Protein backbone atom coordinates (compact mmCIF):
# COMPACT_ATOMS: atom_id res chain seq x y z
CA MET A 1 89.76 76.46 95.92
CA ILE A 2 92.98 78.28 96.87
CA TYR A 3 95.19 76.70 99.54
CA ILE A 4 97.79 78.84 101.33
CA ASN A 5 100.51 77.69 103.74
CA ASN A 6 103.65 79.45 104.96
CA LYS A 7 105.55 78.74 101.73
CA TRP A 8 103.15 78.13 98.87
CA GLY A 9 99.83 79.13 97.41
CA VAL A 10 97.98 76.59 95.24
CA VAL A 11 94.92 77.10 93.04
CA LYS A 12 93.23 73.71 92.57
CA ASP A 13 90.98 72.87 89.63
CA TYR A 14 91.59 76.24 88.06
CA SER A 15 89.65 77.63 85.13
CA GLN A 16 91.01 79.16 81.94
CA GLN A 17 89.96 82.53 83.36
CA ASP A 18 92.16 81.89 86.41
CA LEU A 19 95.11 80.94 84.24
CA ASN A 20 94.68 84.04 82.08
CA PHE A 21 94.58 86.20 85.22
CA PHE A 22 97.91 84.87 86.50
CA LYS A 23 99.63 84.91 83.12
CA THR A 24 98.50 88.49 82.46
CA ASN A 25 99.45 89.96 85.83
CA PHE A 26 102.40 87.82 86.89
CA THR A 27 104.46 87.43 83.76
CA ILE A 28 106.86 90.38 83.70
CA GLU A 29 109.16 91.33 80.85
CA ASP A 30 112.58 92.57 81.96
CA PHE A 31 114.37 94.86 79.52
CA SER A 32 117.13 95.90 81.94
CA LYS A 33 119.73 93.84 80.02
CA CYS A 34 118.81 95.60 76.78
CA TYR A 35 121.12 98.53 77.49
CA MET A 36 124.57 98.93 76.00
CA ASN A 37 126.65 101.94 77.04
CA GLY A 38 123.51 103.35 78.64
CA LYS A 39 121.48 103.29 75.39
CA PHE A 40 118.35 101.14 75.02
CA ASN A 41 118.02 98.72 72.13
CA LYS A 42 115.94 95.57 72.40
CA ASP A 43 118.20 93.88 69.84
CA TYR A 44 121.27 94.04 72.10
CA VAL A 45 120.10 91.21 74.35
CA THR A 46 116.99 89.06 74.16
CA TYR A 47 114.79 90.37 76.93
CA LYS A 48 113.97 88.07 79.79
CA LYS A 49 110.54 87.03 81.00
CA PHE A 50 109.90 86.38 84.68
CA PHE A 51 107.12 83.90 85.49
CA PHE A 52 105.83 84.17 89.05
CA VAL A 53 103.46 81.18 88.83
CA LYS A 54 103.77 77.67 87.43
CA GLU A 55 101.31 75.03 86.28
CA GLU A 56 101.74 71.60 87.82
CA GLU A 57 99.34 68.64 88.09
CA LYS A 58 96.22 70.69 87.33
CA SER A 59 97.26 73.35 89.84
CA ILE A 60 98.60 76.91 89.68
CA ILE A 61 101.42 77.30 92.20
CA PHE A 62 102.99 80.51 93.57
CA PHE A 63 104.84 81.77 96.65
CA ALA A 64 102.39 82.25 99.50
CA GLN A 65 102.57 85.98 100.23
CA LEU A 66 101.57 86.77 96.65
CA ILE A 67 98.01 86.16 97.82
CA ASP A 68 98.22 89.32 99.96
CA TYR A 69 99.42 91.31 96.94
CA ILE A 70 96.45 89.94 94.99
CA GLU A 71 94.08 90.87 97.81
CA GLN A 72 95.37 94.47 97.84
CA ASN A 73 95.49 94.93 94.07
CA PHE A 74 92.98 92.49 92.55
CA PRO A 75 90.34 91.84 95.24
CA GLU A 76 87.71 90.94 92.64
CA PHE A 77 89.71 87.82 91.69
CA LEU A 78 89.43 86.40 95.20
CA THR A 79 85.64 86.80 95.29
CA ARG A 80 85.43 83.91 92.82
CA HIS A 81 87.31 81.51 95.11
CA THR A 82 87.18 79.87 98.50
CA ILE A 83 90.46 80.33 100.36
CA LYS A 84 91.92 77.98 102.97
CA ASP A 85 94.74 79.92 104.63
CA THR A 86 96.81 77.99 107.19
CA ARG A 87 99.63 80.53 107.52
CA LYS A 88 100.75 81.31 111.06
CA LYS A 89 99.34 84.49 112.60
CA LEU A 90 100.62 86.86 115.27
CA ASN A 91 98.77 88.23 118.29
CA PHE A 92 101.05 90.62 120.13
CA SER A 93 100.86 91.85 123.71
CA PHE A 94 102.08 95.45 123.57
CA GLU A 95 102.90 95.75 127.28
CA THR A 96 106.36 94.38 126.48
CA ILE A 97 107.41 97.45 124.44
CA LYS A 98 106.45 100.28 126.81
CA ASP A 99 110.12 101.15 127.31
CA PHE A 100 110.44 101.97 123.60
CA ASN A 101 108.37 105.15 124.07
CA LEU A 102 106.91 104.85 120.61
CA ARG A 103 105.08 107.67 118.88
CA ASP A 104 101.36 107.07 118.35
CA TYR A 105 101.68 106.36 114.63
CA GLN A 106 104.56 103.92 115.29
CA LEU A 107 102.47 101.95 117.77
CA ASP A 108 99.47 102.04 115.42
CA CYS A 109 101.65 100.50 112.71
CA LEU A 110 102.71 97.63 114.94
CA LYS A 111 99.09 97.00 115.91
CA LYS A 112 98.27 96.39 112.23
CA ILE A 113 100.80 93.57 111.97
CA ASN A 114 99.52 90.02 112.31
CA SER A 115 101.59 88.32 109.59
CA SER A 116 104.35 88.96 107.07
CA CYS A 117 104.29 92.45 105.55
CA ILE A 118 106.20 95.36 104.03
CA ILE A 119 106.36 98.50 106.19
CA GLU A 120 106.68 101.71 104.19
CA ALA A 121 108.23 104.30 106.47
CA PRO A 122 109.33 107.73 105.19
CA THR A 123 112.86 108.73 106.14
CA GLY A 124 112.70 110.12 109.67
CA ALA A 125 109.61 108.13 110.67
CA GLY A 126 111.79 106.00 112.97
CA LYS A 127 111.84 102.68 111.15
CA THR A 128 114.89 101.48 113.12
CA HIS A 129 113.00 102.04 116.37
CA ILE A 130 109.90 100.34 114.97
CA SER A 131 111.87 97.35 113.70
CA LEU A 132 113.52 96.84 117.10
CA ALA A 133 110.17 97.10 118.88
CA LEU A 134 108.88 94.50 116.42
CA ILE A 135 111.80 92.23 117.32
CA LYS A 136 110.87 92.53 121.00
CA LEU A 137 107.26 91.60 120.20
CA LEU A 138 108.33 88.67 118.03
CA LEU A 139 110.67 87.28 120.69
CA GLU A 140 107.85 87.35 123.24
CA GLU A 141 105.30 85.87 120.84
CA THR A 142 107.29 83.20 118.99
CA LYS A 143 110.40 82.54 121.15
CA GLY A 144 112.19 82.10 117.81
CA LYS A 145 115.50 83.42 116.51
CA ILE A 146 115.47 86.46 114.20
CA LEU A 147 117.65 87.16 111.17
CA TYR A 148 117.99 90.88 110.41
CA ILE A 149 119.48 91.71 107.00
CA ALA A 150 120.49 95.13 105.66
CA PRO A 151 122.40 95.92 102.44
CA ASN A 152 125.47 97.47 104.07
CA VAL A 153 127.49 97.29 107.25
CA ASP A 154 127.00 100.95 108.21
CA ILE A 155 123.23 100.45 108.53
CA LEU A 156 123.75 97.29 110.57
CA LYS A 157 126.24 98.82 113.00
CA LYS A 158 123.99 101.81 113.58
CA THR A 159 121.03 99.49 114.24
CA ILE A 160 123.06 97.33 116.63
CA GLU A 161 124.10 100.40 118.64
CA THR A 162 120.42 101.28 119.08
CA ALA A 163 119.53 97.64 119.81
CA LYS A 164 121.93 97.59 122.79
CA GLN A 165 119.54 99.99 124.57
CA PHE A 166 116.83 97.31 124.60
CA PHE A 167 118.53 93.90 124.43
CA PRO A 168 121.48 92.26 126.22
CA GLU A 169 124.59 92.51 124.07
CA GLU A 170 125.14 88.74 124.20
CA MET A 171 121.90 88.30 122.23
CA LEU A 172 123.25 90.29 119.27
CA GLY A 173 125.39 88.88 116.46
CA LEU A 174 126.90 90.39 113.32
CA THR A 175 128.07 88.63 110.18
CA CYS A 176 129.74 90.65 107.45
CA THR A 177 133.04 90.63 105.58
CA ASN A 178 135.24 91.12 108.65
CA ASN A 179 132.91 89.91 111.38
CA ASN A 180 131.76 86.37 112.20
CA ILE A 181 129.72 86.53 115.40
CA CYS A 182 127.15 83.97 114.24
CA ASP A 183 123.90 82.24 115.21
CA LYS A 184 122.78 84.66 117.92
CA PRO A 185 119.08 85.05 118.89
CA ILE A 186 119.07 88.40 117.06
CA GLN A 187 121.44 87.97 114.14
CA PHE A 188 122.37 90.99 112.01
CA SER A 189 123.94 90.31 108.63
CA THR A 190 124.71 91.65 105.19
CA PRO A 191 123.08 89.65 102.37
CA GLN A 192 126.41 88.20 101.26
CA SER A 193 127.29 86.91 104.76
CA ALA A 194 123.90 85.53 105.81
CA GLY A 195 125.04 82.03 104.85
CA LYS A 196 127.67 82.09 107.61
CA ASN A 197 124.79 81.40 109.98
CA ASP A 198 122.72 78.22 110.34
CA ILE A 199 119.78 79.63 108.37
CA GLU A 200 117.56 76.68 109.27
CA GLU A 201 117.51 77.93 112.89
CA TYR A 202 115.87 81.19 111.83
CA LYS A 203 112.13 81.30 111.17
CA ILE A 204 111.80 85.09 111.15
CA LEU A 205 113.44 87.47 108.68
CA ILE A 206 113.54 91.26 108.92
CA TYR A 207 114.98 93.06 105.90
CA ASP A 208 115.92 96.74 106.09
CA GLU A 209 115.89 98.68 102.79
CA VAL A 210 113.69 95.94 101.37
CA HIS A 211 113.65 97.51 97.90
CA THR A 212 117.07 95.84 97.48
CA ALA A 213 115.67 92.35 98.23
CA SER A 214 115.16 91.62 94.53
CA SER A 215 118.89 90.90 94.21
CA PRO A 216 119.71 87.33 93.06
CA THR A 217 121.40 86.54 96.41
CA ILE A 218 118.32 87.40 98.47
CA GLN A 219 115.83 85.94 96.00
CA GLN A 220 117.69 82.62 96.21
CA LEU A 221 117.64 82.75 100.03
CA LEU A 222 113.90 83.46 100.05
CA LYS A 223 113.14 80.68 97.57
CA SER A 224 115.25 78.03 99.29
CA HIS A 225 114.28 78.67 102.91
CA THR A 226 110.86 78.71 104.59
CA PHE A 227 110.41 81.54 107.08
CA ASP A 228 107.33 81.70 109.28
CA PHE A 229 107.30 85.49 109.09
CA LEU A 230 109.05 88.05 106.88
CA PHE A 231 109.09 91.81 107.40
CA GLY A 232 110.55 94.40 105.05
CA PHE A 233 111.22 98.07 105.81
CA SER A 234 111.85 100.91 103.35
CA ALA A 235 110.94 104.52 102.67
CA THR A 236 110.41 103.49 99.03
CA PRO A 237 109.75 99.72 98.91
CA PHE A 238 109.44 99.27 95.15
CA VAL A 239 111.65 100.35 92.25
CA ASN A 240 109.51 99.05 89.36
CA GLN A 241 106.82 96.45 88.65
CA LEU A 242 109.25 93.53 88.41
CA ASN A 243 110.93 94.51 91.68
CA LYS A 244 107.49 94.98 93.29
CA ILE A 245 106.32 91.45 92.57
CA GLN A 246 109.70 89.87 93.35
CA ILE A 247 109.48 91.37 96.83
CA SER A 248 105.73 91.09 97.44
CA GLN A 249 105.63 87.33 96.70
CA PHE A 250 107.69 86.77 99.86
CA PHE A 251 106.89 89.74 102.12
CA GLY A 252 103.20 90.16 101.35
CA LYS A 253 100.96 93.16 101.93
CA LYS A 254 102.17 96.72 102.41
CA ILE A 255 101.49 98.81 105.52
CA VAL A 256 102.16 102.54 105.30
CA ILE A 257 103.33 103.97 108.62
CA GLU A 258 102.70 107.65 108.00
CA ASN A 259 102.95 110.17 105.18
CA TYR A 260 105.35 113.08 104.83
CA LYS A 261 102.57 115.65 105.25
CA ASN A 262 101.60 114.47 108.74
CA LEU A 263 105.21 113.93 109.82
CA ILE A 264 106.08 117.51 108.88
CA GLU A 265 102.93 119.02 110.41
CA ASN A 266 103.65 117.19 113.68
CA ASN A 267 107.31 118.30 113.69
CA PHE A 268 108.75 114.82 113.22
CA LEU A 269 110.40 115.95 109.98
CA THR A 270 111.75 119.28 108.79
CA LYS A 271 109.78 121.09 106.10
CA PRO A 272 111.71 120.95 102.80
CA THR A 273 112.11 123.53 100.07
CA PHE A 274 113.12 122.14 96.68
CA ILE A 275 115.03 124.62 94.54
CA PHE A 276 115.67 123.78 90.91
CA LEU A 277 118.67 125.72 89.61
CA LYS A 278 118.17 126.82 86.01
CA VAL A 279 121.59 127.65 84.61
CA ASP A 280 121.86 130.36 81.95
CA TYR A 281 124.07 128.46 79.52
CA PRO A 282 125.92 130.25 76.72
CA LEU A 283 124.99 129.51 73.12
CA GLN A 284 128.13 127.45 72.45
CA PHE A 285 127.21 125.02 75.25
CA LYS A 286 123.69 124.57 73.90
CA ASP A 287 125.09 123.87 70.46
CA LYS A 288 127.46 121.30 71.97
CA ALA A 289 124.59 119.65 73.88
CA ARG A 290 122.61 119.06 70.69
CA TYR A 291 125.46 116.91 69.39
CA TYR A 292 124.84 114.40 72.22
CA LYS A 293 121.10 114.00 71.54
CA ASP A 294 121.36 110.47 70.07
CA LEU A 295 124.43 109.27 71.95
CA PRO A 296 124.38 106.71 74.83
CA TYR A 297 123.37 108.02 78.23
CA LEU A 298 126.75 107.28 79.82
CA THR A 299 128.38 109.53 77.25
CA ILE A 300 125.82 112.25 77.94
CA GLU A 301 126.32 111.86 81.69
CA GLN A 302 130.10 112.12 81.42
CA ASN A 303 130.15 115.15 79.14
CA LEU A 304 127.04 117.14 80.09
CA ILE A 305 126.78 116.38 83.82
CA VAL A 306 130.17 115.35 85.22
CA GLU A 307 132.34 117.62 83.06
CA ASN A 308 129.82 120.45 82.74
CA GLU A 309 131.95 123.40 83.88
CA TYR A 310 128.98 125.79 84.12
CA ARG A 311 126.94 123.38 86.24
CA ASN A 312 129.91 122.51 88.47
CA LYS A 313 130.68 126.19 89.02
CA LYS A 314 127.12 126.73 90.28
CA ILE A 315 127.41 123.72 92.59
CA VAL A 316 130.47 125.29 94.20
CA GLU A 317 128.89 128.76 94.41
CA VAL A 318 125.70 127.51 96.06
CA ALA A 319 127.55 125.20 98.47
CA LEU A 320 129.92 127.97 99.59
CA LYS A 321 127.08 130.46 100.06
CA GLU A 322 125.15 128.00 102.24
CA ALA A 323 128.18 126.83 104.25
CA GLU A 324 129.38 130.38 104.87
CA SER A 325 125.91 131.06 106.30
CA GLY A 326 126.55 128.32 108.88
CA ASN A 327 124.68 125.49 107.12
CA LYS A 328 125.81 121.89 106.74
CA VAL A 329 125.82 120.97 103.07
CA LEU A 330 125.74 117.51 101.53
CA ILE A 331 126.64 117.21 97.82
CA LEU A 332 125.70 113.88 96.23
CA VAL A 333 127.43 112.75 93.03
CA LYS A 334 127.21 109.49 91.12
CA LEU A 335 130.63 109.08 89.54
CA LEU A 336 133.95 109.36 91.38
CA ARG A 337 135.31 111.51 88.56
CA HIS A 338 132.67 114.10 89.42
CA LYS A 339 133.80 114.14 93.03
CA GLU A 340 137.39 114.72 91.93
CA ILE A 341 136.41 117.60 89.63
CA LEU A 342 134.46 119.31 92.40
CA LYS A 343 137.33 118.70 94.82
CA GLU A 344 139.71 120.54 92.49
CA LEU A 345 137.30 123.49 92.32
CA PHE A 346 136.79 123.65 96.09
CA GLU A 347 140.53 123.46 96.77
CA LYS A 348 140.90 126.80 95.01
CA THR A 349 138.62 128.44 97.60
CA SER A 350 139.30 129.69 101.12
CA PHE A 351 136.79 127.19 102.56
CA VAL A 352 139.00 124.18 101.86
CA GLU A 353 139.59 123.17 105.52
CA LYS A 354 135.89 122.56 106.21
CA ILE A 355 135.20 120.21 103.31
CA TYR A 356 135.05 116.41 103.56
CA TYR A 357 135.30 113.96 100.64
CA LEU A 358 133.98 110.39 100.93
CA ASP A 359 133.30 107.50 98.55
CA GLY A 360 132.93 103.73 98.68
CA ASN A 361 136.69 103.21 98.83
CA GLU A 362 136.89 104.60 102.37
CA LYS A 363 136.53 102.17 105.25
CA GLY A 364 133.58 102.36 107.63
CA GLU A 365 135.79 103.69 110.42
CA LYS A 366 136.68 106.77 108.40
CA ARG A 367 133.05 107.37 107.45
CA SER A 368 132.01 107.11 111.10
CA LYS A 369 134.74 109.54 112.13
CA VAL A 370 133.66 112.08 109.50
CA ILE A 371 130.01 111.78 110.54
CA LYS A 372 130.92 112.45 114.19
CA GLU A 373 133.03 115.46 113.21
CA ILE A 374 130.20 116.91 111.13
CA GLU A 375 127.70 116.42 113.95
CA SER A 376 129.98 118.05 116.53
CA ASN A 377 130.96 120.95 114.26
CA LYS A 378 128.88 124.04 115.03
CA GLU A 379 130.00 125.90 111.92
CA GLY A 380 129.22 125.55 108.24
CA THR A 381 130.49 122.35 106.64
CA ILE A 382 130.49 120.74 103.19
CA ILE A 383 130.62 117.01 102.51
CA ILE A 384 130.93 115.64 98.97
CA THR A 385 130.12 111.97 98.59
CA SER A 386 128.93 109.31 96.19
CA GLN A 387 125.96 106.95 96.36
CA ILE A 388 127.06 105.54 99.73
CA PHE A 389 125.02 108.33 101.37
CA LYS A 390 121.82 107.85 99.35
CA GLN A 391 120.24 105.65 102.07
CA GLY A 392 120.79 104.49 105.63
CA VAL A 393 122.95 107.46 106.71
CA ASP A 394 121.75 109.48 109.68
CA ILE A 395 123.26 112.96 110.14
CA PRO A 396 120.31 115.00 111.47
CA SER A 397 122.18 118.32 111.44
CA LEU A 398 122.53 118.30 107.64
CA ASN A 399 120.15 120.94 106.33
CA VAL A 400 121.22 121.56 102.72
CA LEU A 401 121.41 118.95 99.97
CA ILE A 402 122.76 119.54 96.46
CA LEU A 403 121.84 116.77 94.01
CA ALA A 404 124.60 116.94 91.42
CA ASP A 405 124.07 113.63 89.64
CA GLY A 406 120.95 114.12 87.49
CA MET A 407 119.44 110.73 88.46
CA SER A 408 115.76 110.16 87.70
CA ALA A 409 114.51 107.17 89.69
CA GLU A 410 111.65 108.25 91.95
CA TYR A 411 112.68 106.03 94.85
CA LEU A 412 116.26 107.39 94.75
CA ALA A 413 115.12 111.02 94.63
CA LEU A 414 113.04 110.57 97.79
CA GLN A 415 115.74 108.49 99.53
CA LYS A 416 118.30 111.21 98.86
CA ALA A 417 116.00 114.07 99.90
CA GLY A 418 115.47 112.24 103.18
CA ARG A 419 119.13 112.83 104.12
CA VAL A 420 118.29 116.41 105.20
CA LEU A 421 114.71 116.05 106.51
CA ARG A 422 115.50 114.78 110.00
CA ILE A 423 114.82 117.00 113.00
CA ALA A 424 117.82 118.45 114.85
CA GLU A 425 118.49 121.13 117.45
CA ASN A 426 118.23 124.67 116.01
CA LYS A 427 117.29 123.25 112.61
CA LYS A 428 114.34 125.17 111.17
CA ASP A 429 114.12 123.99 107.58
CA ALA A 430 115.83 122.02 104.84
CA LYS A 431 116.83 122.99 101.32
CA ILE A 432 117.27 120.56 98.47
CA TYR A 433 118.97 122.00 95.39
CA ASP A 434 118.53 120.20 92.08
CA PHE A 435 119.21 121.19 88.49
CA TRP A 436 116.62 122.08 85.87
CA ASP A 437 118.48 120.32 83.06
CA ASN A 438 116.41 121.41 80.06
CA PHE A 439 119.16 121.64 77.44
CA LEU A 440 118.64 118.04 76.23
CA PRO A 441 115.34 116.07 75.99
CA LEU A 442 116.65 113.02 77.89
CA LEU A 443 117.91 115.10 80.82
CA TYR A 444 114.77 117.24 80.83
CA ASN A 445 112.61 114.11 81.12
CA ARG A 446 114.68 113.02 84.10
CA THR A 447 114.29 116.46 85.67
CA LYS A 448 110.50 116.25 85.33
CA LYS A 449 110.47 112.80 86.95
CA ARG A 450 112.35 114.14 89.96
CA GLU A 451 109.98 117.09 90.19
CA LYS A 452 107.05 114.65 90.18
CA SER A 453 108.56 112.67 93.06
CA TYR A 454 109.16 115.83 95.12
CA LYS A 455 105.50 116.77 94.75
CA LYS A 456 104.61 113.61 96.68
CA ILE A 457 105.82 115.44 99.78
CA ALA A 458 102.62 117.46 100.18
CA ASN A 459 104.10 120.22 102.36
CA ALA A 460 107.10 120.79 100.11
CA GLU A 461 107.71 124.11 98.44
CA ILE A 462 109.17 123.81 94.92
CA LYS A 463 110.93 126.71 93.22
CA ILE A 464 112.84 127.29 89.99
CA MET A 465 115.72 129.71 90.36
CA GLU A 466 117.52 131.15 87.34
CA ILE A 467 121.25 131.55 87.96
């Protein structure tokens, strides 16, 4: 027998087969601490094992929503057991959200929700609108207070501005580093400032960019507090298997709103063209690259990405060509040093007055001002920024992206590509430039991973351009 309540799942009188199932599928080895200077070696640090179940008094105990993950991924296990599930359920009346003017697929998504879940929504699918409609439904259904967490203040402020269209301003609170409007019926907060509120008053949690909810701060919050319902939103909910289970054990099953193919065909997103730039490197550079083959990744990144004069020259050439054609170009870098190098190159051009430079050191007010200027500018523009623009930034008029950082993570590649896929007036298509870094095996493997992630956008055109 498996008993499920809002917090825990318990397998009573389990068999050895049951125990083997949980140990096999819910014991995850984490090697992330086995890197030194970007180079993997298991001997650096003893790897850590994460156990997502525990044995106690002839029972197997786990966090409740893990049962939904098991149902979606291992349904055959549940056929051997009787389940008594006493978790609270939702039964919405959708008349209350008519003023949201939801698209059909957005409303269909909400109709699938009857308990905690993860909502996978591609960039541009309108997850902010959906999450606010969900808040309206939850307020009507439960009469309870709602805690809404997002990883940075920019996302929260943008969401609050939209929320003011549907809710009285006195219902909305914000807790972050410089803001302490606490304990409101709809309370927005960064993870670090959530504790400024009386958490015990909140029985519903909504988490935007839920792939970041595996952080120690949020995991501790989820373990120590019992929410009746938890909802997570992200275009790419999971980073890896460890992250997937850490999140799923609290948020439960995954609901996919819509795929890129349908969003593009129905003109909710712009059709992308991915262009891999294959640089014709001189022989002396290729010889230099071979020297870095067995060196730590951070050393490779610094010398063959950030300070790669041939690559950087092509970034500038492509950006200028696109901007001079009237396009709005976003260049994403990882390291601040890379931004400074590109800035020096651009300052030698005649386009210098139409280029913006942003990084995490700038305050939110400056970022907001730059975003407004870019949106209002009818001419070609270039913005060079770091990872602060990889998610949660909405500038629909951007139509060209240059990925300068050589990152490989699938979820990051799709998050970044989403920066230029939104629909805007007079915007016909979107271009994403990447680099075909085939001069070193490690970088080539990363290139192939990014290519694989781009192919998940079924309508996307992928080209390799020799330059």
